[in-house]
Protein backbone atom coordinates (compact mmCIF):
# COMPACT_ATOMS: atom_id res chain seq x y z
CA UNK A 1 28.54 -4.46 4.94
CA UNK A 2 26.69 -6.95 2.81
CA UNK A 3 24.89 -6.18 -0.39
CA UNK A 4 22.63 -7.69 -2.99
CA UNK A 5 23.96 -7.82 -6.54
CA UNK A 6 21.77 -8.53 -9.55
CA UNK A 7 22.66 -8.36 -13.22
CA UNK A 8 20.49 -8.83 -16.30
CA UNK A 9 20.81 -7.86 -19.95
CA UNK A 10 19.25 -4.46 -19.27
CA UNK A 11 20.72 -3.39 -15.94
CA UNK A 12 23.10 -4.07 -13.08
CA UNK A 13 21.91 -3.45 -9.54
CA UNK A 14 23.92 -3.27 -6.34
CA UNK A 15 22.01 -2.37 -3.18
CA UNK A 16 23.11 -2.62 0.42
CA UNK A 17 21.11 -4.80 2.78
CA UNK A 18 20.30 -1.73 4.89
CA UNK A 19 18.91 0.12 1.86
CA UNK A 20 16.96 -2.99 0.80
CA UNK A 21 15.44 -3.22 4.29
CA UNK A 22 14.50 0.47 4.22
CA UNK A 23 12.89 0.03 0.80
CA UNK A 24 10.91 -2.98 2.05
CA UNK A 25 9.73 -1.01 5.09
CA UNK A 26 8.68 1.89 2.87
CA UNK A 27 6.76 -0.43 0.56
CA UNK A 28 4.98 -2.02 3.55
CA UNK A 29 4.02 1.47 4.73
CA UNK A 30 2.63 2.39 1.31
CA UNK A 31 0.62 -0.85 1.12
CA UNK A 32 -0.74 -0.21 4.63
CA UNK A 33 -1.84 3.30 3.61
CA UNK A 34 -3.54 1.98 0.46
CA UNK A 35 -5.37 -0.63 2.52
CA UNK A 36 -6.38 1.97 5.12
CA UNK A 37 -7.82 4.36 2.53
CA UNK A 38 -9.56 1.52 0.69
CA UNK A 39 -11.27 0.42 3.89
CA UNK A 40 -12.19 4.00 4.75
CA UNK A 41 -13.71 4.50 1.29
CA UNK A 42 -15.68 1.27 1.58
CA UNK A 43 -17.03 2.25 4.99
CA UNK A 44 -18.03 5.68 3.68
CA UNK A 45 -19.80 4.11 0.70
CA UNK A 46 -21.68 1.65 2.89
CA UNK A 47 -22.63 4.42 5.31
CA UNK A 48 -23.92 6.49 2.39
CA UNK A 49 -26.07 3.60 1.17
CA UNK A 50 -27.46 3.01 4.66
CA UNK A 51 -28.35 6.69 5.06
CA UNK A 52 -29.95 6.68 1.61
CA UNK A 53 -32.10 3.68 2.59
CA UNK A 54 -33.11 5.29 5.91
CA UNK A 55 -33.99 8.62 4.29
CA UNK A 56 -35.74 6.92 1.39
CA UNK A 57 -37.84 4.74 3.71
CA UNK A 58 -39.08 7.70 5.78
């Protein structure tokens, strides 16, 4: 088993490579969800503006 070791003035960290990989995968998942919801919100906002223009023009 290999591990990553980091030490600074404030803390000492020892994390296995497997745990580091799981953390990286979890962070990628979170970033993907943030991107997905940001895009969904943008599409909803644009759709709302388009509907407002169509209703306002009629």
